[in-house]
Amino acid sequence: MARIPTLEQQLSNMKRLLRLMCDRVHASLLVVEQHLHIPDSEALVKVVALDSEVDRMETELDETVLQIFATQQPRAQELRLVYATAKIAHHIERMGDAVESLARQLAGADLSESRELLIDMMSHVKDLFSRAYAAMFEEDLSRIQEIFELDDAVDECQTAVVAIAKDIFLLAHRDPQAVERGLKLISIASKLEKVADLCCNWAEQTDFAAHGLARRVLKKRRLRLVLLDEKGGSLSARGASWLTQELSGAVDVTVATKRLNGEDVFASSHPFPVVRFDQVSWSRCFLLVNLGRALALEERETIPSKTMVVEWDFSGEPDGEAELKVRQRLSGLLSILARSDISI
């Protein structure tokens, strides 16, 4: 009868398989990056073969994890490591699928308007991957300190690519292929953004294996909101001041107004700069609270689809009553945000 390997041997084999999976995905990313610099559709075929290896290794790693649970009694850190590795392997497999899909999208794609932007996006993705890799296999958890901020850079690139795609859509009346080119460009950007998100998931699981539920290394991003009114920003600023005070800095609030000129300018000691609605930066904004009249269609079109919109019309209310009602409404929102641990 075959001798059962020791726990140390099984853990070593588990880590070896995971490293091999990561190396294959990294190799795929290098092929895609090279294609962005110097197009070579034939080289993209390698990505399909590499993804097949990743799938096979995930199956082998799953069997190793089951063997550990069936034949050993891992405790504390070893147990967290085995659990986290199984989760990470799933993230890596999904990464491989995303890169393979990305390679298929890039084959023959016209990237004349967005090539440099996609190269920058790929650079950020590779940085995220290398940081998560170093944290896992070199036990350098300091490399994931700013991982969410790096993911933000990828999201901003994706937003810029989508804006380019929208411009391409406008050419549809004289270019029958414009819609297809625009959609393909959006799909390419979304695949890169997905890889970046999976790297963040990978880093979180690595941190969990090291620290348990404490997870003190990763920095959570603050929730970002926009408060909009038609009173020069005064009503929004008071609501923002109360909201940030109650949540102790857990939110990042932008105060906006539809009118910002002459006597409509809000002058006070509130630490919230007031911007016009058409100058709002929507990057990572998950919620817009409109305290005035309903947004016009052209105004809604400027808001990203990921940003939720809540509308409470207090434009006709006296200032005192409006502020009281805004605070009452925000208190309900406050109870939701206070319990939230999501990263936008």
Protein backbone atom coordinates (compact mmCIF):
# COMPACT_ATOMS: atom_id res chain seq x y z
CA MET A 1 0.00 0.00 0.00
CA ALA A 2 1.30 3.40 -0.97
CA ARG A 3 2.51 5.54 1.90
CA ILE A 4 0.51 8.72 2.57
CA PRO A 5 2.69 11.83 2.10
CA THR A 6 3.24 14.06 5.10
CA LEU A 7 1.34 17.33 5.46
CA GLU A 8 4.49 19.29 4.58
CA GLN A 9 4.91 17.31 1.35
CA GLN A 10 1.27 17.82 0.39
CA LEU A 11 1.39 21.55 1.12
CA SER A 12 4.56 21.83 -0.94
CA ASN A 13 2.92 20.04 -3.87
CA MET A 14 -0.15 22.27 -3.55
CA LYS A 15 1.99 25.42 -3.70
CA ARG A 16 3.95 24.01 -6.64
CA LEU A 17 0.79 23.44 -8.66
CA LEU A 18 -0.52 26.91 -7.84
CA ARG A 19 2.77 28.53 -8.86
CA LEU A 20 2.69 26.64 -12.17
CA MET A 21 -0.86 27.87 -12.79
CA CYS A 22 0.22 31.45 -12.08
CA ASP A 23 3.25 31.13 -14.33
CA ARG A 24 1.06 29.97 -17.22
CA VAL A 25 -1.33 32.88 -16.79
CA HIS A 26 1.60 35.31 -16.56
CA ALA A 27 3.01 33.88 -19.78
CA SER A 28 -0.38 34.46 -21.42
CA LEU A 29 -0.40 38.07 -20.25
CA LEU A 30 3.06 38.56 -21.78
CA VAL A 31 1.84 37.21 -25.12
CA VAL A 32 -1.12 39.59 -25.08
CA GLU A 33 1.08 42.53 -24.09
CA GLN A 34 3.49 41.76 -26.92
CA HIS A 35 0.56 41.64 -29.35
CA LEU A 36 -0.55 45.10 -28.22
CA HIS A 37 2.92 46.46 -29.01
CA ILE A 38 3.54 44.44 -32.18
CA PRO A 39 0.40 42.72 -33.52
CA ASP A 40 0.94 39.01 -34.16
CA SER A 41 -2.30 37.05 -34.26
CA GLU A 42 -0.50 33.73 -34.72
CA ALA A 43 1.27 34.14 -31.38
CA LEU A 44 -2.10 34.51 -29.64
CA VAL A 45 -2.73 30.80 -30.30
CA LYS A 46 -0.25 30.08 -27.48
CA VAL A 47 -2.73 31.60 -25.01
CA VAL A 48 -5.32 28.92 -25.81
CA ALA A 49 -2.79 26.14 -25.13
CA LEU A 50 -1.66 27.80 -21.90
CA ASP A 51 -5.26 28.09 -20.67
CA SER A 52 -5.78 24.36 -21.26
CA GLU A 53 -2.79 23.68 -19.00
CA VAL A 54 -4.21 25.99 -16.33
CA ASP A 55 -7.53 24.10 -16.39
CA ARG A 56 -5.76 20.76 -16.04
CA MET A 57 -3.63 22.00 -13.15
CA GLU A 58 -6.66 23.37 -11.31
CA THR A 59 -8.23 19.90 -11.39
CA GLU A 60 -5.01 18.37 -10.06
CA LEU A 61 -4.78 21.01 -7.33
CA ASP A 62 -8.39 20.39 -6.27
CA GLU A 63 -7.55 16.70 -5.85
CA THR A 64 -4.52 17.63 -3.75
CA VAL A 65 -6.64 19.84 -1.49
CA LEU A 66 -9.17 17.03 -1.03
CA GLN A 67 -6.36 14.63 -0.20
CA ILE A 68 -5.07 16.99 2.48
CA PHE A 69 -8.48 17.26 4.12
CA ALA A 70 -9.02 13.50 3.85
CA THR A 71 -5.64 12.33 5.18
CA GLN A 72 -4.40 15.17 7.41
CA GLN A 73 -5.69 17.41 10.15
CA PRO A 74 -4.47 20.90 9.21
CA ARG A 75 -4.96 23.52 11.89
CA ALA A 76 -4.79 27.30 12.20
CA GLN A 77 -2.47 28.75 9.57
CA GLU A 78 -2.13 25.51 7.57
CA LEU A 79 -5.93 25.22 7.39
CA ARG A 80 -6.25 28.84 6.26
CA LEU A 81 -3.53 28.27 3.67
CA VAL A 82 -5.25 25.22 2.18
CA TYR A 83 -8.63 26.97 2.09
CA ALA A 84 -7.16 30.16 0.59
CA THR A 85 -5.17 28.21 -2.01
CA ALA A 86 -8.32 26.47 -3.24
CA LYS A 87 -10.02 29.85 -3.61
CA ILE A 88 -6.99 31.39 -5.31
CA ALA A 89 -6.76 28.51 -7.77
CA HIS A 90 -10.33 29.26 -8.81
CA HIS A 91 -9.44 32.94 -9.30
CA ILE A 92 -6.38 32.00 -11.36
CA GLU A 93 -8.44 29.66 -13.54
CA ARG A 94 -10.94 32.44 -14.18
CA MET A 95 -8.02 34.73 -14.96
CA GLY A 96 -6.80 32.25 -17.55
CA ASP A 97 -10.26 32.11 -19.12
CA ALA A 98 -10.41 35.93 -19.24
CA VAL A 99 -6.99 36.18 -20.91
CA GLU A 100 -7.93 33.51 -23.44
CA SER A 101 -11.13 35.40 -24.27
CA LEU A 102 -9.07 38.59 -24.48
CA ALA A 103 -6.71 36.95 -26.97
CA ARG A 104 -9.64 35.85 -29.14
CA GLN A 105 -11.04 39.40 -29.08
CA LEU A 106 -7.67 40.92 -29.98
CA ALA A 107 -7.13 38.68 -33.01
CA GLY A 108 -7.80 40.93 -35.98
CA ALA A 109 -9.18 43.78 -33.85
CA ASP A 110 -8.73 47.38 -35.02
CA LEU A 111 -7.11 49.21 -32.08
CA SER A 112 -5.98 52.33 -33.89
CA GLU A 113 -7.86 54.70 -31.53
CA SER A 114 -7.08 52.93 -28.26
CA ARG A 115 -3.82 51.00 -28.54
CA GLU A 116 -1.76 53.24 -26.22
CA LEU A 117 -4.53 53.31 -23.65
CA LEU A 118 -4.83 49.52 -23.67
CA ILE A 119 -1.05 49.23 -23.29
CA ASP A 120 -1.24 51.42 -20.18
CA MET A 121 -4.12 49.32 -18.89
CA MET A 122 -2.13 46.12 -19.45
CA SER A 123 0.84 47.63 -17.60
CA HIS A 124 -1.36 48.25 -14.53
CA VAL A 125 -2.78 44.71 -14.75
CA LYS A 126 0.71 43.20 -14.86
CA ASP A 127 1.70 45.30 -11.84
CA LEU A 128 -1.31 43.97 -9.92
CA PHE A 129 -0.45 40.40 -10.93
CA SER A 130 3.22 40.73 -9.89
CA ARG A 131 2.23 42.20 -6.51
CA ALA A 132 -0.23 39.39 -5.78
CA TYR A 133 2.37 36.84 -6.96
CA ALA A 134 5.08 38.27 -4.68
CA ALA A 135 2.70 38.32 -1.73
CA MET A 136 1.80 34.66 -2.26
CA PHE A 137 5.12 33.03 -3.14
CA GLU A 138 7.69 35.45 -1.69
CA GLU A 139 5.57 36.21 1.42
CA ASP A 140 6.03 39.93 0.79
CA LEU A 141 2.66 41.24 1.93
CA SER A 142 3.85 44.84 1.67
CA ARG A 143 3.46 44.52 -2.11
CA ILE A 144 -0.34 44.53 -1.76
CA GLN A 145 -0.61 47.61 0.46
CA GLU A 146 -1.85 49.81 -2.37
CA ILE A 147 -3.49 47.15 -4.51
CA PHE A 148 -6.94 48.76 -4.49
CA GLU A 149 -5.47 52.07 -5.68
CA LEU A 150 -3.79 50.25 -8.58
CA ASP A 151 -7.10 48.63 -9.42
CA ASP A 152 -8.61 52.13 -9.56
CA ALA A 153 -6.11 53.03 -12.28
CA VAL A 154 -7.36 50.08 -14.33
CA ASP A 155 -10.96 51.19 -13.81
CA GLU A 156 -10.11 54.71 -15.00
CA CYS A 157 -8.48 53.30 -18.14
CA GLN A 158 -11.58 51.20 -18.77
CA THR A 159 -13.77 54.30 -18.48
CA ALA A 160 -11.57 56.08 -21.02
CA VAL A 161 -11.75 53.11 -23.41
CA VAL A 162 -15.57 53.05 -23.14
CA ALA A 163 -15.60 56.78 -23.98
CA ILE A 164 -13.59 56.03 -27.13
CA ALA A 165 -16.03 53.23 -28.01
CA LYS A 166 -18.95 55.66 -27.68
CA ASP A 167 -17.24 57.99 -30.14
CA ILE A 168 -16.84 55.06 -32.53
CA PHE A 169 -20.57 54.30 -32.24
CA LEU A 170 -21.30 57.80 -33.58
CA LEU A 171 -19.68 56.77 -36.86
CA ALA A 172 -22.22 53.99 -37.41
CA HIS A 173 -24.19 56.02 -39.98
CA ARG A 174 -21.20 56.01 -42.38
CA ASP A 175 -19.24 52.97 -41.19
CA PRO A 176 -21.21 49.69 -40.99
CA GLN A 177 -18.44 48.11 -38.89
CA ALA A 178 -18.36 50.90 -36.28
CA VAL A 179 -20.77 49.23 -33.85
CA GLU A 180 -18.89 45.94 -33.97
CA ARG A 181 -15.55 47.72 -33.45
CA GLY A 182 -16.91 49.67 -30.50
CA LEU A 183 -18.41 46.61 -28.83
CA LYS A 184 -15.21 44.63 -29.30
CA LEU A 185 -13.22 47.46 -27.74
CA ILE A 186 -15.52 47.52 -24.71
CA SER A 187 -15.21 43.74 -24.38
CA ILE A 188 -11.39 43.91 -24.50
CA ALA A 189 -11.33 46.56 -21.76
CA SER A 190 -13.78 44.58 -19.60
CA LYS A 191 -11.59 41.45 -19.82
CA LEU A 192 -8.54 43.40 -18.62
CA GLU A 193 -10.60 44.94 -15.82
CA LYS A 194 -11.79 41.45 -14.82
CA VAL A 195 -8.20 40.20 -14.55
CA ALA A 196 -7.38 43.19 -12.32
CA ASP A 197 -10.34 42.43 -10.04
CA LEU A 198 -9.31 38.78 -9.78
CA CYS A 199 -5.80 39.88 -8.77
CA CYS A 200 -7.38 41.87 -5.94
CA ASN A 201 -9.35 38.78 -4.87
CA TRP A 202 -6.12 36.79 -4.98
CA ALA A 203 -4.35 39.33 -2.78
CA GLU A 204 -7.21 39.30 -0.26
CA GLN A 205 -7.07 35.51 0.05
CA THR A 206 -3.29 35.63 0.50
CA ASP A 207 -3.73 38.16 3.27
CA PHE A 208 -6.43 35.98 4.86
CA ALA A 209 -4.06 32.99 4.89
CA ALA A 210 -1.45 35.07 6.70
CA HIS A 211 -3.60 37.02 9.15
CA GLY A 212 -6.89 35.18 9.48
CA LEU A 213 -9.94 37.40 9.72
CA ALA A 214 -7.93 40.46 10.83
CA ARG A 215 -6.83 41.42 7.31
CA ARG A 216 -5.04 44.56 8.46
CA VAL A 217 -2.77 44.84 5.43
CA LEU A 218 -5.23 45.74 2.69
CA LYS A 219 -6.64 49.25 2.68
CA LYS A 220 -10.35 49.48 1.94
CA ARG A 221 -11.41 52.31 -0.30
CA ARG A 222 -13.95 54.78 0.93
CA LEU A 223 -17.42 54.74 -0.57
CA ARG A 224 -17.82 57.57 -3.09
CA LEU A 225 -21.07 59.55 -3.40
CA VAL A 226 -22.23 62.67 -5.21
CA LEU A 227 -24.84 64.98 -3.65
CA LEU A 228 -26.53 67.26 -6.19
CA ASP A 229 -28.89 70.22 -5.65
CA GLU A 230 -30.17 73.33 -7.40
CA LYS A 231 -29.35 75.77 -4.59
CA GLY A 232 -25.73 76.56 -5.37
CA GLY A 233 -24.49 73.55 -3.40
CA SER A 234 -25.70 74.77 0.00
CA LEU A 235 -28.17 71.93 0.65
CA SER A 236 -25.80 69.25 -0.64
CA ALA A 237 -22.91 70.62 1.43
CA ARG A 238 -24.90 70.49 4.66
CA GLY A 239 -26.01 66.93 3.90
CA ALA A 240 -22.42 65.95 3.02
CA SER A 241 -21.09 67.47 6.24
CA TRP A 242 -23.54 65.50 8.36
CA LEU A 243 -23.01 62.28 6.40
CA THR A 244 -19.21 62.33 6.65
CA GLN A 245 -19.37 63.22 10.35
CA GLU A 246 -21.65 60.27 11.10
CA LEU A 247 -19.58 57.81 9.06
CA SER A 248 -16.23 59.04 10.44
CA GLY A 249 -14.50 59.43 7.08
CA ALA A 250 -15.75 56.17 5.57
CA VAL A 251 -17.29 58.05 2.63
CA ASP A 252 -15.90 60.41 0.01
CA VAL A 253 -18.58 62.94 -0.94
CA THR A 254 -18.60 65.31 -3.92
CA VAL A 255 -20.94 68.30 -3.70
CA ALA A 256 -22.43 69.39 -7.02
CA THR A 257 -25.02 71.87 -8.24
CA LYS A 258 -26.74 72.59 -11.51
CA ARG A 259 -26.15 76.33 -11.06
CA LEU A 260 -22.83 77.84 -10.06
CA ASN A 261 -22.56 81.51 -10.91
CA GLY A 262 -23.07 84.92 -9.29
CA GLU A 263 -25.34 84.83 -6.28
CA ASP A 264 -25.82 81.06 -6.61
CA VAL A 265 -22.26 80.35 -5.49
CA PHE A 266 -22.31 78.83 -2.04
CA ALA A 267 -19.83 80.59 0.25
CA SER A 268 -19.34 79.05 3.68
CA SER A 269 -16.85 77.23 5.88
CA HIS A 270 -17.91 73.77 4.67
CA PRO A 271 -14.83 71.78 3.53
CA PHE A 272 -16.58 70.68 0.34
CA PRO A 273 -15.65 72.34 -2.95
CA VAL A 274 -18.75 72.81 -5.09
CA VAL A 275 -18.59 71.81 -8.75
CA ARG A 276 -21.05 72.09 -11.59
CA PHE A 277 -22.89 68.92 -12.49
CA ASP A 278 -21.22 68.75 -15.91
CA GLN A 279 -17.78 68.83 -14.24
CA VAL A 280 -18.32 65.93 -11.84
CA SER A 281 -15.76 63.12 -12.07
CA TRP A 282 -17.72 59.85 -11.98
CA SER A 283 -14.71 57.59 -11.41
CA ARG A 284 -15.59 54.95 -8.76
CA CYS A 285 -18.81 56.79 -7.83
CA PHE A 286 -21.40 54.23 -6.79
CA LEU A 287 -24.29 56.57 -5.84
CA LEU A 288 -25.73 59.92 -6.95
CA VAL A 289 -28.27 61.53 -4.59
CA ASN A 290 -30.19 64.23 -6.49
CA LEU A 291 -31.90 66.69 -4.12
CA GLY A 292 -33.48 68.75 -6.90
CA ARG A 293 -35.75 68.29 -9.88
CA ALA A 294 -35.54 65.09 -11.90
CA LEU A 295 -32.53 64.82 -14.18
CA ALA A 296 -33.04 65.48 -17.87
CA LEU A 297 -32.33 62.69 -20.35
CA GLU A 298 -29.08 64.28 -21.55
CA GLU A 299 -27.92 64.61 -17.93
CA ARG A 300 -28.65 60.95 -17.22
CA GLU A 301 -26.62 59.92 -20.25
CA THR A 302 -23.48 61.41 -18.67
CA ILE A 303 -23.80 59.15 -15.61
CA PRO A 304 -22.04 55.74 -15.85
CA SER A 305 -24.28 52.69 -15.75
CA LYS A 306 -22.51 51.44 -12.58
CA THR A 307 -23.58 54.57 -10.66
CA MET A 308 -26.95 54.23 -8.91
CA VAL A 309 -29.24 57.28 -8.85
CA VAL A 310 -31.57 58.29 -6.00
CA GLU A 311 -33.78 61.36 -6.51
CA TRP A 312 -35.42 63.36 -3.70
CA ASP A 313 -36.88 66.65 -4.94
CA PHE A 314 -36.48 69.38 -2.30
CA SER A 315 -36.07 72.23 -4.77
CA GLY A 316 -39.34 73.91 -3.70
CA GLU A 317 -38.84 73.50 0.06
CA PRO A 318 -37.67 76.34 2.37
CA ASP A 319 -34.03 75.90 3.36
CA GLY A 320 -34.73 74.88 6.98
CA GLU A 321 -37.39 72.30 6.12
CA ALA A 322 -35.37 70.99 3.19
CA GLU A 323 -32.30 70.42 5.37
CA LEU A 324 -34.36 68.57 7.99
CA LYS A 325 -35.96 66.31 5.37
CA VAL A 326 -32.60 65.66 3.70
CA ARG A 327 -31.13 64.58 7.04
CA GLN A 328 -34.09 62.27 7.67
CA ARG A 329 -33.69 60.65 4.27
CA LEU A 330 -29.92 60.36 4.62
CA SER A 331 -30.30 58.68 8.01
CA GLY A 332 -31.91 55.72 6.25
CA LEU A 333 -29.06 55.66 3.75
CA LEU A 334 -26.62 55.99 6.63
CA SER A 335 -27.78 52.76 8.26
CA ILE A 336 -27.07 50.90 5.00
CA LEU A 337 -23.64 52.46 4.45
CA ALA A 338 -22.60 51.92 8.06
CA ARG A 339 -23.09 48.16 7.69
CA SER A 340 -21.41 48.03 4.30
CA ASP A 341 -17.89 46.63 3.91
CA ILE A 342 -17.86 46.71 0.10
CA SER A 343 -15.13 48.33 -1.95
CA ILE A 344 -16.33 50.37 -4.89
